[in-house]
N, C-alpha and C. Protein backbone atom coordinates (compact mmCIF):
# COMPACT_ATOMS: atom_id res chain seq x y z
N MET A 1 1.42 -1.62 0.21
CA MET A 1 -0.13 0.12 -0.49
C MET A 1 0.39 1.58 0.25
N ASN A 2 0.49 2.23 -0.60
CA ASN A 2 1.78 3.35 -1.09
C ASN A 2 0.82 4.37 -0.39
N GLU A 3 -0.06 4.37 0.54
CA GLU A 3 -0.65 5.43 1.00
C GLU A 3 0.20 6.17 2.52
N LEU A 4 -0.15 7.60 1.82
CA LEU A 4 0.60 8.97 2.84
C LEU A 4 0.03 9.12 4.23
N ILE A 5 0.33 9.41 5.22
CA ILE A 5 0.02 9.92 6.16
C ILE A 5 1.02 10.74 6.62
N ARG A 6 -0.29 12.08 7.85
CA ARG A 6 0.09 13.43 8.56
C ARG A 6 1.55 12.99 9.29
N LEU A 7 3.07 13.31 8.81
CA LEU A 7 3.56 13.20 10.80
C LEU A 7 2.81 12.69 11.62
N CYS A 8 2.20 13.98 12.47
CA CYS A 8 1.24 13.67 13.02
C CYS A 8 0.50 12.69 13.39
N ASP A 9 0.18 11.46 12.47
CA ASP A 9 -0.70 10.37 13.22
C ASP A 9 0.32 9.43 13.03
N LEU A 10 1.88 9.79 12.83
CA LEU A 10 2.54 8.81 12.90
C LEU A 10 3.04 7.98 14.21
N GLN A 11 2.76 6.36 14.35
CA GLN A 11 2.93 6.11 16.31
C GLN A 11 4.06 6.21 16.54
N ILE A 12 4.00 6.39 18.15
CA ILE A 12 5.84 6.83 18.93
C ILE A 12 6.51 5.20 17.83
N ASN A 13 8.34 5.50 17.90
CA ASN A 13 8.83 4.84 17.65
C ASN A 13 8.69 4.14 16.15
N LYS A 14 7.88 4.37 15.32
CA LYS A 14 7.80 3.01 14.13
C LYS A 14 7.91 5.04 12.71
N THR A 15 8.96 4.03 12.25
CA THR A 15 9.77 4.79 11.34
C THR A 15 9.42 5.28 9.97
N ALA A 16 9.23 6.40 9.39
CA ALA A 16 8.61 6.45 8.32
C ALA A 16 9.20 7.60 7.26
N VAL A 17 9.16 7.74 6.04
CA VAL A 17 9.92 8.59 5.17
C VAL A 17 9.17 9.53 4.40
N VAL A 18 9.41 10.51 4.64
CA VAL A 18 8.93 12.17 4.09
C VAL A 18 8.73 12.18 2.54
N ALA A 19 7.41 11.76 2.23
CA ALA A 19 6.49 11.95 1.38
C ALA A 19 6.60 13.10 0.02
N GLU A 20 5.92 14.38 1.24
CA GLU A 20 6.01 15.09 0.80
C GLU A 20 5.34 16.43 1.11
N PHE A 21 5.74 17.66 1.23
CA PHE A 21 5.19 18.95 2.15
C PHE A 21 3.77 19.60 1.54
N CYS A 22 2.85 19.97 2.19
CA CYS A 22 1.64 21.13 2.50
C CYS A 22 2.46 22.00 2.95
N ALA A 23 3.74 22.34 3.33
CA ALA A 23 4.11 23.29 4.21
C ALA A 23 3.90 25.06 3.64
N GLY A 24 4.13 24.98 1.82
CA GLY A 24 3.96 26.45 1.20
C GLY A 24 5.16 27.60 2.22
N LYS A 25 5.63 28.42 2.87
CA LYS A 25 5.89 29.23 3.39
C LYS A 25 6.73 29.01 4.54
N MET A 26 6.31 27.63 5.27
CA MET A 26 7.08 26.46 6.47
C MET A 26 8.17 25.29 5.46
N THR A 27 7.87 25.42 4.34
CA THR A 27 8.78 24.52 3.42
C THR A 27 10.27 24.28 3.49
N GLN A 28 10.81 25.97 3.82
CA GLN A 28 12.08 25.91 3.34
C GLN A 28 12.39 26.08 5.11
N ARG A 29 11.43 25.72 6.19
CA ARG A 29 12.06 26.13 7.78
C ARG A 29 12.67 24.66 8.06
N ILE A 30 11.30 24.00 7.21
CA ILE A 30 11.46 22.69 7.60
C ILE A 30 12.38 22.15 7.19
N ASN A 31 12.82 22.09 5.77
CA ASN A 31 13.81 22.01 5.16
C ASN A 31 15.22 22.00 5.50
N ASP A 32 15.19 23.52 6.25
CA ASP A 32 16.84 23.59 7.34
C ASP A 32 16.75 22.85 8.13
N LEU A 33 15.59 22.24 8.84
CA LEU A 33 15.24 21.32 9.62
C LEU A 33 16.18 19.95 9.94
N GLY A 34 16.42 19.61 8.57
CA GLY A 34 16.53 18.37 7.61
C GLY A 34 15.84 17.58 7.62
N ILE A 35 14.70 18.10 7.74
CA ILE A 35 13.23 17.48 7.06
C ILE A 35 13.61 17.62 6.19
N VAL A 36 13.77 16.55 4.99
CA VAL A 36 13.58 16.63 3.76
C VAL A 36 12.86 15.22 2.93
N GLU A 37 12.62 15.33 1.61
CA GLU A 37 11.96 14.58 0.49
C GLU A 37 12.82 12.86 1.12
N GLY A 38 12.28 11.92 1.30
CA GLY A 38 13.57 10.57 1.11
C GLY A 38 13.89 10.20 2.64
N SER A 39 13.88 11.47 3.21
CA SER A 39 14.64 11.32 4.26
C SER A 39 13.75 10.47 5.34
N GLU A 40 13.99 9.51 6.19
CA GLU A 40 13.76 8.49 7.41
C GLU A 40 13.26 9.68 8.64
N ILE A 41 12.10 9.59 9.01
CA ILE A 41 12.07 10.34 10.06
C ILE A 41 10.98 8.96 11.70
N THR A 42 11.34 9.79 12.49
CA THR A 42 10.81 8.73 13.68
C THR A 42 9.94 9.28 14.59
N PRO A 43 8.83 9.53 15.77
CA PRO A 43 8.70 10.41 16.87
C PRO A 43 8.91 9.30 17.71
N VAL A 44 9.98 10.05 18.43
CA VAL A 44 10.50 8.52 19.50
C VAL A 44 9.88 9.34 21.06
N PHE A 45 8.72 10.48 21.25
CA PHE A 45 8.94 11.56 22.54
C PHE A 45 7.16 12.96 22.13
N ILE A 46 6.51 12.07 22.74
CA ILE A 46 5.54 13.29 23.32
C ILE A 46 5.65 13.97 23.79
N ALA A 47 5.34 15.16 24.43
CA ALA A 47 5.46 16.27 25.57
C ALA A 47 3.89 15.46 26.40
N PRO A 48 4.42 15.98 27.54
CA PRO A 48 2.98 16.15 28.39
C PRO A 48 1.26 15.89 28.00
N PHE A 49 1.61 17.07 27.90
CA PHE A 49 0.76 17.59 26.90
C PHE A 49 -0.01 17.22 25.54
N GLY A 50 0.95 16.54 25.02
CA GLY A 50 0.94 15.91 22.97
C GLY A 50 1.35 17.24 22.24
N ASP A 51 1.35 18.42 22.92
CA ASP A 51 2.70 19.09 22.05
C ASP A 51 3.26 20.07 23.17
N PRO A 52 4.50 19.82 21.87
CA PRO A 52 5.34 19.81 21.01
C PRO A 52 5.89 18.00 20.39
N VAL A 53 5.60 17.30 19.95
CA VAL A 53 7.08 15.75 19.58
C VAL A 53 7.99 16.07 19.44
N ALA A 54 9.02 15.06 19.27
CA ALA A 54 10.44 15.18 18.99
C ALA A 54 10.37 13.59 18.18
N TYR A 55 11.15 14.26 16.79
CA TYR A 55 10.80 13.14 15.94
C TYR A 55 12.49 12.45 15.83
N SER A 56 13.25 12.09 15.57
CA SER A 56 14.48 11.34 14.98
C SER A 56 14.78 11.54 13.62
N VAL A 57 15.63 12.62 13.12
CA VAL A 57 15.73 12.51 11.50
C VAL A 57 17.64 12.41 11.48
N LYS A 58 18.38 11.94 10.91
CA LYS A 58 19.30 11.89 10.80
C LYS A 58 20.36 12.23 11.45
N HIS A 59 20.04 10.74 12.67
CA HIS A 59 20.92 10.88 13.99
C HIS A 59 20.68 12.20 14.94
N THR A 60 19.65 13.22 14.63
CA THR A 60 19.79 14.84 15.75
C THR A 60 17.64 14.28 16.38
N LEU A 61 17.37 15.14 17.50
CA LEU A 61 16.48 15.17 17.47
C LEU A 61 15.74 16.67 17.49
N ILE A 62 14.61 17.04 16.82
CA ILE A 62 13.92 17.49 16.60
C ILE A 62 12.43 17.72 16.71
N ALA A 63 12.32 18.66 17.91
CA ALA A 63 10.87 19.19 18.05
C ALA A 63 9.79 19.63 17.01
N LEU A 64 8.65 19.11 17.37
CA LEU A 64 7.83 20.06 16.19
C LEU A 64 6.50 20.21 16.62
N ARG A 65 5.80 21.31 16.62
CA ARG A 65 4.78 21.19 17.27
C ARG A 65 3.50 20.24 16.10
N ARG A 66 2.46 20.27 17.05
CA ARG A 66 1.29 20.00 16.05
C ARG A 66 0.58 20.72 14.98
N LYS A 67 0.43 21.28 14.69
CA LYS A 67 0.29 21.94 13.93
C LYS A 67 1.38 22.51 12.63
N ASP A 68 2.58 22.04 12.88
CA ASP A 68 3.24 21.94 12.26
C ASP A 68 4.17 20.76 11.79
N SER A 69 3.55 19.42 11.99
CA SER A 69 4.11 18.47 11.82
C SER A 69 2.12 17.76 11.19
N ARG A 70 1.35 18.39 11.03
CA ARG A 70 -0.08 18.52 10.04
C ARG A 70 0.62 18.26 8.21
N LEU A 71 1.75 19.29 7.99
CA LEU A 71 1.93 19.63 7.52
C LEU A 71 2.66 18.88 6.33
N ILE A 72 2.88 17.75 7.02
CA ILE A 72 4.54 17.00 6.70
C ILE A 72 4.10 15.61 6.45
N LEU A 73 3.74 14.55 5.19
CA LEU A 73 3.09 13.68 4.42
C LEU A 73 4.09 12.51 4.33
N VAL A 74 4.84 11.58 5.04
CA VAL A 74 4.98 10.30 5.10
C VAL A 74 4.45 9.53 5.12
N ARG A 75 5.25 8.07 4.19
CA ARG A 75 4.83 6.83 4.33
C ARG A 75 5.71 5.66 4.68
N CYS A 76 4.73 4.97 5.48
CA CYS A 76 5.66 4.09 6.22
C CYS A 76 6.47 3.04 5.70
N GLU A 77 7.63 2.34 6.13
CA GLU A 77 8.57 2.05 6.01
C GLU A 77 7.68 0.33 5.45
N ASP A 78 6.54 0.39 6.16
CA ASP A 78 6.03 -1.14 5.47
C ASP A 78 5.27 -1.14 4.81
N ASP A 79 4.89 0.21 4.91
CA ASP A 79 4.15 0.55 2.80
C ASP A 79 5.57 0.13 1.88
N ILE A 80 6.64 0.28 1.95
CA ILE A 80 7.88 0.88 0.67
C ILE A 80 7.72 -0.37 -0.30
């Protein structure tokens, strides 16, 4: 299955590959953080109130707010 899901919907410790962005002006900022198409990303920690979430990207932890992670579409590794 080649279904894309929002990054914010990815389960903790499940790795996915960044497929595309719906970020508009945020695309450059997201790219500057190392989140680029084709890179693997894994949510590893959720803050106590559910926002932000820490993601592992290229051996670095990056925290994204839920509203920003909704703009990133990923493909689960099981689907590749």
